[in-house]
Amino acid sequence: MIGIDLIKTDRMKRLIERFGDHALQKFLSTDEIILVKNHRTAAGFWAAKEACSKALGCGIGQECGFHDIVLSKSSKGAPSIALSQRVQQAFNITDTSVSITHDGDYAIAVVALQNRP
């Protein structure tokens, strides 16, 4: 299962300027917020979580919320993605993969999920 999302980074910049850390807390955990260097990083994280929910086929909502999707980075800065136990079991997910990129005013993320038949 594959999901993709695109966000204009300026949208995230305005959100952070208006609501500060409270805006980030709506979709990121404390550990994820620590990884955010600027609005571009935050936009990439938003795109990754949206892409993951699209790969699941449910979108962000009751079946899978923003905090059910957990982003982290390797020691080399590569992103990784994990799902809460509840979502992982509900959708039979066995493996996850994420790629986040930025180009000009946009952040793009692609998420691939593998599940048990």
PDB file of N, CA and C in Angstrom:
ATOM      1  N   MET A   1       0.847  -1.158   0.000  1.00  0.00           N
ATOM      2  CA  MET A   1       0.000   0.000   0.000  1.00  0.00           C
ATOM      3  C   MET A   1       0.901   1.231   0.000  1.00  0.00           C
ATOM      4  N   ILE A   2       0.545   2.195  -0.853  1.00  0.00           N
ATOM      5  CA  ILE A   2       1.362   3.389  -0.997  1.00  0.00           C
ATOM      6  C   ILE A   2       0.497   4.635  -0.824  1.00  0.00           C
ATOM      7  N   GLY A   3       1.046   5.637  -0.154  1.00  0.00           N
ATOM      8  CA  GLY A   3       0.384   6.927   0.001  1.00  0.00           C
ATOM      9  C   GLY A   3       1.372   8.037  -0.276  1.00  0.00           C
ATOM     10  N   ILE A   4       0.886   9.159  -0.775  1.00  0.00           N
ATOM     11  CA  ILE A   4       1.726  10.314  -1.071  1.00  0.00           C
ATOM     12  C   ILE A   4       1.000  11.577  -0.617  1.00  0.00           C
ATOM     13  N   ASP A   5       1.762  12.581  -0.200  1.00  0.00           N
ATOM     14  CA  ASP A   5       1.163  13.858   0.162  1.00  0.00           C
ATOM     15  C   ASP A   5       2.139  14.980  -0.165  1.00  0.00           C
ATOM     16  N   LEU A   6       1.568  16.128  -0.472  1.00  0.00           N
ATOM     17  CA  LEU A   6       2.304  17.331  -0.835  1.00  0.00           C
ATOM     18  C   LEU A   6       1.734  18.485  -0.015  1.00  0.00           C
ATOM     19  N   ILE A   7       2.610  19.314   0.537  1.00  0.00           N
ATOM     20  CA  ILE A   7       2.159  20.487   1.292  1.00  0.00           C
ATOM     21  C   ILE A   7       3.054  21.664   0.956  1.00  0.00           C
ATOM     22  N   LYS A   8       2.462  22.823   0.823  1.00  0.00           N
ATOM     23  CA  LYS A   8       3.223  24.044   0.630  1.00  0.00           C
ATOM     24  C   LYS A   8       3.799  24.430   1.992  1.00  0.00           C
ATOM     25  N   THR A   9       5.119  24.587   2.066  1.00  0.00           N
ATOM     26  CA  THR A   9       5.765  24.829   3.361  1.00  0.00           C
ATOM     27  C   THR A   9       5.314  26.133   4.007  1.00  0.00           C
ATOM     28  N   ASP A  10       4.920  27.108   3.199  1.00  0.00           N
ATOM     29  CA  ASP A  10       4.450  28.383   3.746  1.00  0.00           C
ATOM     30  C   ASP A  10       3.186  28.196   4.584  1.00  0.00           C
ATOM     31  N   ARG A  11       2.382  27.209   4.232  1.00  0.00           N
ATOM     32  CA  ARG A  11       1.173  26.908   5.020  1.00  0.00           C
ATOM     33  C   ARG A  11       1.556  26.534   6.448  1.00  0.00           C
ATOM     34  N   MET A  12       2.605  25.725   6.593  1.00  0.00           N
ATOM     35  CA  MET A  12       3.078  25.323   7.923  1.00  0.00           C
ATOM     36  C   MET A  12       3.716  26.512   8.632  1.00  0.00           C
ATOM     37  N   LYS A  13       4.434  27.340   7.903  1.00  0.00           N
ATOM     38  CA  LYS A  13       5.061  28.526   8.493  1.00  0.00           C
ATOM     39  C   LYS A  13       3.996  29.429   9.121  1.00  0.00           C
ATOM     40  N   ARG A  14       2.926  29.684   8.398  1.00  0.00           N
ATOM     41  CA  ARG A  14       1.838  30.531   8.914  1.00  0.00           C
ATOM     42  C   ARG A  14       1.170  29.900  10.133  1.00  0.00           C
ATOM     43  N   LEU A  15       0.981  28.589  10.104  1.00  0.00           N
ATOM     44  CA  LEU A  15       0.367  27.877  11.221  1.00  0.00           C
ATOM     45  C   LEU A  15       1.217  28.022  12.489  1.00  0.00           C
ATOM     46  N   ILE A  16       2.521  27.854  12.344  1.00  0.00           N
ATOM     47  CA  ILE A  16       3.432  27.965  13.491  1.00  0.00           C
ATOM     48  C   ILE A  16       3.499  29.411  13.987  1.00  0.00           C
ATOM     49  N   GLU A  17       3.547  30.364  13.069  1.00  0.00           N
ATOM     50  CA  GLU A  17       3.565  31.774  13.471  1.00  0.00           C
ATOM     51  C   GLU A  17       2.306  32.146  14.249  1.00  0.00           C
ATOM     52  N   ARG A  18       1.201  31.585  13.848  1.00  0.00           N
ATOM     53  CA  ARG A  18      -0.079  31.923  14.486  1.00  0.00           C
ATOM     54  C   ARG A  18      -0.282  31.223  15.829  1.00  0.00           C
ATOM     55  N   PHE A  19       0.082  29.919  15.885  1.00  0.00           N
ATOM     56  CA  PHE A  19      -0.238  29.133  17.084  1.00  0.00           C
ATOM     57  C   PHE A  19       0.984  28.605  17.837  1.00  0.00           C
ATOM     58  N   GLY A  20       2.184  28.804  17.347  1.00  0.00           N
ATOM     59  CA  GLY A  20       3.399  28.361  18.027  1.00  0.00           C
ATOM     60  C   GLY A  20       3.453  26.847  18.179  1.00  0.00           C
ATOM     61  N   ASP A  21       4.046  26.418  19.293  1.00  0.00           N
ATOM     62  CA  ASP A  21       4.197  24.978  19.548  1.00  0.00           C
ATOM     63  C   ASP A  21       2.866  24.250  19.643  1.00  0.00           C
ATOM     64  N   HIS A  22       1.823  24.970  20.017  1.00  0.00           N
ATOM     65  CA  HIS A  22       0.497  24.344  20.105  1.00  0.00           C
ATOM     66  C   HIS A  22       0.095  23.757  18.748  1.00  0.00           C
ATOM     67  N   ALA A  23       0.463  24.419  17.672  1.00  0.00           N
ATOM     68  CA  ALA A  23       0.162  23.912  16.328  1.00  0.00           C
ATOM     69  C   ALA A  23       0.876  22.582  16.094  1.00  0.00           C
ATOM     70  N   LEU A  24       2.137  22.512  16.497  1.00  0.00           N
ATOM     71  CA  LEU A  24       2.906  21.281  16.313  1.00  0.00           C
ATOM     72  C   LEU A  24       2.368  20.145  17.185  1.00  0.00           C
ATOM     73  N   GLN A  25       1.916  20.472  18.397  1.00  0.00           N
ATOM     74  CA  GLN A  25       1.417  19.458  19.319  1.00  0.00           C
ATOM     75  C   GLN A  25       0.149  18.781  18.805  1.00  0.00           C
ATOM     76  N   LYS A  26      -0.557  19.415  17.899  1.00  0.00           N
ATOM     77  CA  LYS A  26      -1.768  18.817  17.327  1.00  0.00           C
ATOM     78  C   LYS A  26      -1.451  17.569  16.507  1.00  0.00           C
ATOM     79  N   PHE A  27      -0.240  17.543  15.893  1.00  0.00           N
ATOM     80  CA  PHE A  27       0.066  16.397  15.032  1.00  0.00           C
ATOM     81  C   PHE A  27       1.410  15.734  15.326  1.00  0.00           C
ATOM     82  N   LEU A  28       2.180  16.280  16.252  1.00  0.00           N
ATOM     83  CA  LEU A  28       3.480  15.691  16.583  1.00  0.00           C
ATOM     84  C   LEU A  28       3.590  15.421  18.085  1.00  0.00           C
ATOM     85  N   SER A  29       4.316  14.369  18.425  1.00  0.00           N
ATOM     86  CA  SER A  29       4.614  14.074  19.827  1.00  0.00           C
ATOM     87  C   SER A  29       5.779  14.965  20.277  1.00  0.00           C
ATOM     88  N   THR A  30       6.052  14.972  21.560  1.00  0.00           N
ATOM     89  CA  THR A  30       7.169  15.748  22.094  1.00  0.00           C
ATOM     90  C   THR A  30       8.487  15.322  21.454  1.00  0.00           C
ATOM     91  N   ASP A  31       8.700  14.014  21.296  1.00  0.00           N
ATOM     92  CA  ASP A  31       9.930  13.509  20.671  1.00  0.00           C
ATOM     93  C   ASP A  31      10.040  13.951  19.216  1.00  0.00           C
ATOM     94  N   GLU A  32       8.919  14.012  18.517  1.00  0.00           N
ATOM     95  CA  GLU A  32       8.931  14.449  17.123  1.00  0.00           C
ATOM     96  C   GLU A  32       9.205  15.951  17.030  1.00  0.00           C
ATOM     97  N   ILE A  33       8.633  16.727  17.937  1.00  0.00           N
ATOM     98  CA  ILE A  33       8.843  18.175  17.931  1.00  0.00           C
ATOM     99  C   ILE A  33      10.320  18.502  18.119  1.00  0.00           C
ATOM    100  N   ILE A  34      11.018  17.729  18.912  1.00  0.00           N
ATOM    101  CA  ILE A  34      12.461  17.932  19.128  1.00  0.00           C
ATOM    102  C   ILE A  34      13.229  17.833  17.803  1.00  0.00           C
ATOM    103  N   LEU A  35      12.740  17.000  16.884  1.00  0.00           N
ATOM    104  CA  LEU A  35      13.410  16.812  15.589  1.00  0.00           C
ATOM    105  C   LEU A  35      13.128  17.936  14.590  1.00  0.00           C
ATOM    106  N   VAL A  36      12.130  18.758  14.872  1.00  0.00           N
ATOM    107  CA  VAL A  36      11.736  19.817  13.945  1.00  0.00           C
ATOM    108  C   VAL A  36      12.740  20.965  14.026  1.00  0.00           C
ATOM    109  N   LYS A  37      13.420  21.208  12.897  1.00  0.00           N
ATOM    110  CA  LYS A  37      14.409  22.281  12.837  1.00  0.00           C
ATOM    111  C   LYS A  37      13.784  23.608  12.424  1.00  0.00           C
ATOM    112  N   ASN A  38      12.739  23.518  11.597  1.00  0.00           N
ATOM    113  CA  ASN A  38      12.086  24.725  11.075  1.00  0.00           C
ATOM    114  C   ASN A  38      10.747  24.331  10.461  1.00  0.00           C
ATOM    115  N   HIS A  39      10.058  25.298   9.887  1.00  0.00           N
ATOM    116  CA  HIS A  39       8.730  25.018   9.317  1.00  0.00           C
ATOM    117  C   HIS A  39       8.799  24.039   8.151  1.00  0.00           C
ATOM    118  N   ARG A  40       9.914  23.984   7.460  1.00  0.00           N
ATOM    119  CA  ARG A  40      10.064  23.037   6.344  1.00  0.00           C
ATOM    120  C   ARG A  40      10.079  21.590   6.863  1.00  0.00           C
ATOM    121  N   THR A  41      10.797  21.361   7.957  1.00  0.00           N
ATOM    122  CA  THR A  41      10.816  20.027   8.562  1.00  0.00           C
ATOM    123  C   THR A  41       9.423  19.650   9.040  1.00  0.00           C
ATOM    124  N   ALA A  42       8.752  20.588   9.702  1.00  0.00           N
ATOM    125  CA  ALA A  42       7.396  20.330  10.193  1.00  0.00           C
ATOM    126  C   ALA A  42       6.460  19.989   9.039  1.00  0.00           C
ATOM    127  N   ALA A  43       6.592  20.702   7.930  1.00  0.00           N
ATOM    128  CA  ALA A  43       5.756  20.424   6.758  1.00  0.00           C
ATOM    129  C   ALA A  43       6.026  19.022   6.221  1.00  0.00           C
ATOM    130  N   GLY A  44       7.280  18.611   6.205  1.00  0.00           N
ATOM    131  CA  GLY A  44       7.624  17.259   5.757  1.00  0.00           C
ATOM    132  C   GLY A  44       7.015  16.196   6.654  1.00  0.00           C
ATOM    133  N   PHE A  45       7.021  16.452   7.970  1.00  0.00           N
ATOM    134  CA  PHE A  45       6.417  15.510   8.909  1.00  0.00           C
ATOM    135  C   PHE A  45       4.906  15.437   8.705  1.00  0.00           C
ATOM    136  N   TRP A  46       4.278  16.589   8.479  1.00  0.00           N
ATOM    137  CA  TRP A  46       2.838  16.613   8.201  1.00  0.00           C
ATOM    138  C   TRP A  46       2.545  15.764   6.963  1.00  0.00           C
ATOM    139  N   ALA A  47       3.302  15.991   5.905  1.00  0.00           N
ATOM    140  CA  ALA A  47       3.101  15.258   4.652  1.00  0.00           C
ATOM    141  C   ALA A  47       3.283  13.758   4.866  1.00  0.00           C
ATOM    142  N   ALA A  48       4.267  13.369   5.676  1.00  0.00           N
ATOM    143  CA  ALA A  48       4.515  11.944   5.926  1.00  0.00           C
ATOM    144  C   ALA A  48       3.337  11.303   6.659  1.00  0.00           C
ATOM    145  N   LYS A  49       2.795  11.990   7.642  1.00  0.00           N
ATOM    146  CA  LYS A  49       1.663  11.431   8.386  1.00  0.00           C
ATOM    147  C   LYS A  49       0.416  11.352   7.506  1.00  0.00           C
ATOM    148  N   GLU A  50       0.193  12.362   6.679  1.00  0.00           N
ATOM    149  CA  GLU A  50      -0.937  12.327   5.748  1.00  0.00           C
ATOM    150  C   GLU A  50      -0.751  11.199   4.723  1.00  0.00           C
ATOM    151  N   ALA A  51       0.453  11.053   4.204  1.00  0.00           N
ATOM    152  CA  ALA A  51       0.727   9.997   3.234  1.00  0.00           C
ATOM    153  C   ALA A  51       0.504   8.617   3.847  1.00  0.00           C
ATOM    154  N   CYS A  52       0.899   8.461   5.106  1.00  0.00           N
ATOM    155  CA  CYS A  52       0.695   7.181   5.793  1.00  0.00           C
ATOM    156  C   CYS A  52      -0.791   6.863   5.929  1.00  0.00           C
ATOM    157  N   SER A  53      -1.577   7.860   6.323  1.00  0.00           N
ATOM    158  CA  SER A  53      -3.013   7.623   6.479  1.00  0.00           C
ATOM    159  C   SER A  53      -3.665   7.293   5.137  1.00  0.00           C
ATOM    160  N   LYS A  54      -3.147   7.870   4.068  1.00  0.00           N
ATOM    161  CA  LYS A  54      -3.660   7.555   2.731  1.00  0.00           C
ATOM    162  C   LYS A  54      -3.272   6.135   2.326  1.00  0.00           C
ATOM    163  N   ALA A  55      -2.065   5.716   2.689  1.00  0.00           N
ATOM    164  CA  ALA A  55      -1.646   4.338   2.397  1.00  0.00           C
ATOM    165  C   ALA A  55      -2.539   3.343   3.134  1.00  0.00           C
ATOM    166  N   LEU A  56      -2.960   3.697   4.329  1.00  0.00           N
ATOM    167  CA  LEU A  56      -3.868   2.833   5.087  1.00  0.00           C
ATOM    168  C   LEU A  56      -5.266   2.815   4.471  1.00  0.00           C
ATOM    169  N   GLY A  57      -5.569   3.865   3.706  1.00  0.00           N
ATOM    170  CA  GLY A  57      -6.867   3.938   3.048  1.00  0.00           C
ATOM    171  C   GLY A  57      -7.968   4.527   3.911  1.00  0.00           C
ATOM    172  N   CYS A  58      -7.588   5.170   5.016  1.00  0.00           N
ATOM    173  CA  CYS A  58      -8.616   5.696   5.924  1.00  0.00           C
ATOM    174  C   CYS A  58      -8.501   7.193   6.155  1.00  0.00           C
ATOM    175  N   GLY A  59      -7.379   7.789   5.833  1.00  0.00           N
ATOM    176  CA  GLY A  59      -7.169   9.190   6.150  1.00  0.00           C
ATOM    177  C   GLY A  59      -7.005   9.378   7.648  1.00  0.00           C
ATOM    178  N   ILE A  60      -6.721  10.613   8.041  1.00  0.00           N
ATOM    179  CA  ILE A  60      -6.598  10.927   9.465  1.00  0.00           C
ATOM    180  C   ILE A  60      -8.006  11.022  10.051  1.00  0.00           C
ATOM    181  N   GLY A  61      -8.233  10.274  11.117  1.00  0.00           N
ATOM    182  CA  GLY A  61      -9.557  10.269  11.733  1.00  0.00           C
ATOM    183  C   GLY A  61      -9.596   9.279  12.876  1.00  0.00           C
ATOM    184  N   GLN A  62     -10.746   8.663  13.047  1.00  0.00           N
ATOM    185  CA  GLN A  62     -10.941   7.756  14.176  1.00  0.00           C
ATOM    186  C   GLN A  62     -10.110   6.475  14.058  1.00  0.00           C
ATOM    187  N   GLU A  63      -9.973   5.950  12.848  1.00  0.00           N
ATOM    188  CA  GLU A  63      -9.223   4.703  12.667  1.00  0.00           C
ATOM    189  C   GLU A  63      -7.723   4.897  12.843  1.00  0.00           C
ATOM    190  N   CYS A  64      -7.241   6.089  12.515  1.00  0.00           N
ATOM    191  CA  CYS A  64      -5.812   6.394  12.626  1.00  0.00           C
ATOM    192  C   CYS A  64      -5.646   7.897  12.797  1.00  0.00           C
ATOM    193  N   GLY A  65      -5.174   8.306  13.963  1.00  0.00           N
ATOM    194  CA  GLY A  65      -4.948   9.719  14.232  1.00  0.00           C
ATOM    195  C   GLY A  65      -3.491  10.091  14.001  1.00  0.00           C
ATOM    196  N   PHE A  66      -3.207  11.391  14.014  1.00  0.00           N
ATOM    197  CA  PHE A  66      -1.839  11.855  13.827  1.00  0.00           C
ATOM    198  C   PHE A  66      -0.878  11.212  14.818  1.00  0.00           C
ATOM    199  N   HIS A  67      -1.310  11.027  16.067  1.00  0.00           N
ATOM    200  CA  HIS A  67      -0.409  10.489  17.090  1.00  0.00           C
ATOM    201  C   HIS A  67      -0.280   8.966  17.043  1.00  0.00           C
ATOM    202  N   ASP A  68      -1.033   8.311  16.148  1.00  0.00           N
ATOM    203  CA  ASP A  68      -0.843   6.874  15.903  1.00  0.00           C
ATOM    204  C   ASP A  68       0.317   6.629  14.936  1.00  0.00           C
ATOM    205  N   ILE A  69       0.783   7.689  14.300  1.00  0.00           N
ATOM    206  CA  ILE A  69       1.875   7.612  13.333  1.00  0.00           C
ATOM    207  C   ILE A  69       3.079   8.305  13.966  1.00  0.00           C
ATOM    208  N   VAL A  70       4.182   7.576  14.108  1.00  0.00           N
ATOM    209  CA  VAL A  70       5.344   8.089  14.828  1.00  0.00           C
ATOM    210  C   VAL A  70       6.538   8.182  13.881  1.00  0.00           C
ATOM    211  N   LEU A  71       7.095   9.388  13.787  1.00  0.00           N
ATOM    212  CA  LEU A  71       8.266   9.626  12.948  1.00  0.00           C
ATOM    213  C   LEU A  71       9.514   9.747  13.803  1.00  0.00           C
ATOM    214  N   SER A  72      10.619   9.267  13.262  1.00  0.00           N
ATOM    215  CA  SER A  72      11.912   9.410  13.925  1.00  0.00           C
ATOM    216  C   SER A  72      12.967   9.538  12.830  1.00  0.00           C
ATOM    217  N   LYS A  73      14.210   9.717  13.253  1.00  0.00           N
ATOM    218  CA  LYS A  73      15.305   9.829  12.292  1.00  0.00           C
ATOM    219  C   LYS A  73      16.449   8.930  12.724  1.00  0.00           C
ATOM    220  N   SER A  74      17.146   8.387  11.740  1.00  0.00           N
ATOM    221  CA  SER A  74      18.325   7.570  12.023  1.00  0.00           C
ATOM    222  C   SER A  74      19.484   8.482  12.416  1.00  0.00           C
ATOM    223  N   SER A  75      20.591   7.892  12.816  1.00  0.00           N
ATOM    224  CA  SER A  75      21.768   8.683  13.186  1.00  0.00           C
ATOM    225  C   SER A  75      22.298   9.493  12.005  1.00  0.00           C
ATOM    226  N   LYS A  76      21.955   9.077  10.790  1.00  0.00           N
ATOM    227  CA  LYS A  76      22.378   9.797   9.586  1.00  0.00           C
ATOM    228  C   LYS A  76      21.315  10.780   9.094  1.00  0.00           C
ATOM    229  N   GLY A  77      20.189  10.877   9.835  1.00  0.00           N
ATOM    230  CA  GLY A  77      19.146  11.828   9.490  1.00  0.00           C
ATOM    231  C   GLY A  77      18.055  11.301   8.581  1.00  0.00           C
ATOM    232  N   ALA A  78      18.103  10.022   8.244  1.00  0.00           N
ATOM    233  CA  ALA A  78      17.057   9.428   7.394  1.00  0.00           C
ATOM    234  C   ALA A  78      15.781   9.245   8.209  1.00  0.00           C
ATOM    235  N   PRO A  79      14.632   9.601   7.633  1.00  0.00           N
ATOM    236  CA  PRO A  79      13.380   9.435   8.382  1.00  0.00           C
ATOM    237  C   PRO A  79      12.935   7.979   8.442  1.00  0.00           C
ATOM    238  N   SER A  80      12.231   7.654   9.513  1.00  0.00           N
ATOM    239  CA  SER A  80      11.571   6.352   9.606  1.00  0.00           C
ATOM    240  C   SER A  80      10.195   6.586  10.192  1.00  0.00           C
ATOM    241  N   ILE A  81       9.328   5.606   9.983  1.00  0.00           N
ATOM    242  CA  ILE A  81       7.936   5.749  10.391  1.00  0.00           C
ATOM    243  C   ILE A  81       7.477   4.465  11.065  1.00  0.00           C
ATOM    244  N   ALA A  82       6.698   4.619  12.119  1.00  0.00           N
ATOM    245  CA  ALA A  82       6.131   3.473  12.827  1.00  0.00           C
ATOM    246  C   ALA A  82       4.678   3.793  13.154  1.00  0.00           C
ATOM    247  N   LEU A  83       3.932   2.752  13.433  1.00  0.00           N
ATOM    248  CA  LEU A  83       2.513   2.903  13.763  1.00  0.00           C
ATOM    249  C   LEU A  83       2.254   2.418  15.179  1.00  0.00           C
ATOM    250  N   SER A  84       1.243   2.989  15.812  1.00  0.00           N
ATOM    251  CA  SER A  84       0.855   2.520  17.140  1.00  0.00           C
ATOM    252  C   SER A  84       0.467   1.044  17.042  1.00  0.00           C
ATOM    253  N   GLN A  85       0.575   0.365  18.145  1.00  0.00           N
ATOM    254  CA  GLN A  85       0.211  -1.059  18.185  1.00  0.00           C
ATOM    255  C   GLN A  85      -1.231  -1.265  17.720  1.00  0.00           C
ATOM    256  N   ARG A  86      -2.109  -0.378  18.126  1.00  0.00           N
ATOM    257  CA  ARG A  86      -3.528  -0.479  17.766  1.00  0.00           C
ATOM    258  C   ARG A  86      -3.719  -0.435  16.248  1.00  0.00           C
ATOM    259  N   VAL A  87      -3.096   0.521  15.601  1.00  0.00           N
ATOM    260  CA  VAL A  87      -3.238   0.658  14.147  1.00  0.00           C
ATOM    261  C   VAL A  87      -2.502  -0.467  13.427  1.00  0.00           C
ATOM    262  N   GLN A  88      -1.329  -0.788  13.922  1.00  0.00           N
ATOM    263  CA  GLN A  88      -0.556  -1.872  13.316  1.00  0.00           C
ATOM    264  C   GLN A  88      -1.372  -3.169  13.302  1.00  0.00           C
ATOM    265  N   GLN A  89      -2.039  -3.488  14.389  1.00  0.00           N
ATOM    266  CA  GLN A  89      -2.839  -4.703  14.475  1.00  0.00           C
ATOM    267  C   GLN A  89      -4.122  -4.596  13.653  1.00  0.00           C
ATOM    268  N   ALA A  90      -4.780  -3.450  13.699  1.00  0.00           N
ATOM    269  CA  ALA A  90      -6.046  -3.274  12.981  1.00  0.00           C
ATOM    270  C   ALA A  90      -5.865  -3.432  11.472  1.00  0.00           C
ATOM    271  N   PHE A  91      -4.717  -2.994  10.954  1.00  0.00           N
ATOM    272  CA  PHE A  91      -4.475  -3.052   9.514  1.00  0.00           C
ATOM    273  C   PHE A  91      -3.485  -4.150   9.129  1.00  0.00           C
ATOM    274  N   ASN A  92      -3.062  -4.959  10.101  1.00  0.00           N
ATOM    275  CA  ASN A  92      -2.122  -6.069   9.865  1.00  0.00           C
ATOM    276  C   ASN A  92      -0.820  -5.610   9.207  1.00  0.00           C
ATOM    277  N   ILE A  93      -0.270  -4.489   9.646  1.00  0.00           N
ATOM    278  CA  ILE A  93       0.939  -3.932   9.046  1.00  0.00           C
ATOM    279  C   ILE A  93       2.173  -4.681   9.552  1.00  0.00           C
ATOM    280  N   THR A  94       3.013  -5.099   8.614  1.00  0.00           N
ATOM    281  CA  THR A  94       4.236  -5.820   8.968  1.00  0.00           C
ATOM    282  C   THR A  94       5.502  -5.016   8.695  1.00  0.00           C
ATOM    283  N   ASP A  95       5.428  -3.995   7.830  1.00  0.00           N
ATOM    284  CA  ASP A  95       6.611  -3.202   7.513  1.00  0.00           C
ATOM    285  C   ASP A  95       6.194  -1.814   7.044  1.00  0.00           C
ATOM    286  N   THR A  96       7.033  -0.833   7.327  1.00  0.00           N
ATOM    287  CA  THR A  96       6.758   0.551   6.933  1.00  0.00           C
ATOM    288  C   THR A  96       7.996   1.169   6.315  1.00  0.00           C
ATOM    289  N   SER A  97       7.781   2.127   5.422  1.00  0.00           N
ATOM    290  CA  SER A  97       8.885   2.846   4.801  1.00  0.00           C
ATOM    291  C   SER A  97       8.407   4.247   4.461  1.00  0.00           C
ATOM    292  N   VAL A  98       9.287   5.246   4.608  1.00  0.00           N
ATOM    293  CA  VAL A  98       8.910   6.634   4.321  1.00  0.00           C
ATOM    294  C   VAL A  98      10.063   7.353   3.621  1.00  0.00           C
ATOM    295  N   SER A  99       9.713   8.250   2.735  1.00  0.00           N
ATOM    296  CA  SER A  99      10.671   9.146   2.110  1.00  0.00           C
ATOM    297  C   SER A  99      10.067  10.543   2.128  1.00  0.00           C
ATOM    298  N   ILE A 100      10.856  11.515   2.573  1.00  0.00           N
ATOM    299  CA  ILE A 100      10.417  12.908   2.637  1.00  0.00           C
ATOM    300  C   ILE A 100      11.417  13.745   1.853  1.00  0.00           C
ATOM    301  N   THR A 101      10.901  14.645   1.017  1.00  0.00           N
ATOM    302  CA  THR A 101      11.784  15.541   0.275  1.00  0.00           C
ATOM    303  C   THR A 101      11.180  16.934   0.224  1.00  0.00           C
ATOM    304  N   HIS A 102      12.036  17.890  -0.020  1.00  0.00           N
ATOM    305  CA  HIS A 102      11.617  19.286  -0.126  1.00  0.00           C
ATOM    306  C   HIS A 102      12.122  19.829  -1.453  1.00  0.00           C
ATOM    307  N   ASP A 103      11.281  20.601  -2.114  1.00  0.00           N
ATOM    308  CA  ASP A 103      11.676  21.250  -3.360  1.00  0.00           C
ATOM    309  C   ASP A 103      11.024  22.621  -3.403  1.00  0.00           C
ATOM    310  N   GLY A 104      11.832  23.642  -3.372  1.00  0.00           N
ATOM    311  CA  GLY A 104      11.289  24.992  -3.389  1.00  0.00           C
ATOM    312  C   GLY A 104      10.351  25.220  -2.224  1.00  0.00           C
ATOM    313  N   ASP A 105       9.120  25.563  -2.533  1.00  0.00           N
ATOM    314  CA  ASP A 105       8.122  25.882  -1.509  1.00  0.00           C
ATOM    315  C   ASP A 105       7.300  24.679  -1.071  1.00  0.00           C
ATOM    316  N   TYR A 106       7.718  23.459  -1.428  1.00  0.00           N
ATOM    317  CA  TYR A 106       6.905  22.281  -1.147  1.00  0.00           C
ATOM    318  C   TYR A 106       7.675  21.204  -0.395  1.00  0.00           C
ATOM    319  N   ALA A 107       6.929  20.457   0.423  1.00  0.00           N
ATOM    320  CA  ALA A 107       7.431  19.241   1.058  1.00  0.00           C
ATOM    321  C   ALA A 107       6.563  18.096   0.546  1.00  0.00           C
ATOM    322  N   ILE A 108       7.205  16.995   0.210  1.00  0.00           N
ATOM    323  CA  ILE A 108       6.519  15.837  -0.354  1.00  0.00           C
ATOM    324  C   ILE A 108       6.947  14.597   0.437  1.00  0.00           C
ATOM    325  N   ALA A 109       5.994  13.721   0.699  1.00  0.00           N
ATOM    326  CA  ALA A 109       6.315  12.469   1.386  1.00  0.00           C
ATOM    327  C   ALA A 109       5.597  11.309   0.712  1.00  0.00           C
ATOM    328  N   VAL A 110       6.286  10.191   0.674  1.00  0.00           N
ATOM    329  CA  VAL A 110       5.725   8.940   0.165  1.00  0.00           C
ATOM    330  C   VAL A 110       5.900   7.889   1.263  1.00  0.00           C
ATOM    331  N   VAL A 111       4.845   7.141   1.530  1.00  0.00           N
ATOM    332  CA  VAL A 111       4.882   6.076   2.530  1.00  0.00           C
ATOM    333  C   VAL A 111       4.440   4.772   1.878  1.00  0.00           C
ATOM    334  N   ALA A 112       5.197   3.722   2.129  1.00  0.00           N
ATOM    335  CA  ALA A 112       4.838   2.381   1.668  1.00  0.00           C
ATOM    336  C   ALA A 112       4.618   1.497   2.906  1.00  0.00           C
ATOM    337  N   LEU A 113       3.520   0.776   2.898  1.00  0.00           N
ATOM    338  CA  LEU A 113       3.175  -0.123   4.003  1.00  0.00           C
ATOM    339  C   LEU A 113       2.988  -1.527   3.448  1.00  0.00           C
ATOM    340  N   GLN A 114       3.425  -2.499   4.206  1.00  0.00           N
ATOM    341  CA  GLN A 114       3.210  -3.894   3.838  1.00  0.00           C
ATOM    342  C   GLN A 114       2.350  -4.525   4.914  1.00  0.00           C
ATOM    343  N   ASN A 115       1.383  -5.323   4.468  1.00  0.00           N
ATOM    344  CA  ASN A 115       0.527  -5.974   5.455  1.00  0.00           C
ATOM    345  C   ASN A 115       0.459  -7.473   5.200  1.00  0.00           C
ATOM    346  N   ARG A 116      -0.001  -8.179   6.244  1.00  0.00           N
ATOM    347  CA  ARG A 116      -0.228  -9.632   6.137  1.00  0.00           C
ATOM    348  C   ARG A 116      -1.552  -9.833   5.423  1.00  0.00           C
ATOM    349  N   PRO A 117      -1.588 -10.762   4.499  1.00  0.00           N
ATOM    350  CA  PRO A 117      -2.877 -11.062   3.849  1.00  0.00           C
ATOM    351  C   PRO A 117      -3.866 -11.697   4.818  1.00  0.00           C
TER     352      PRO A 117
END
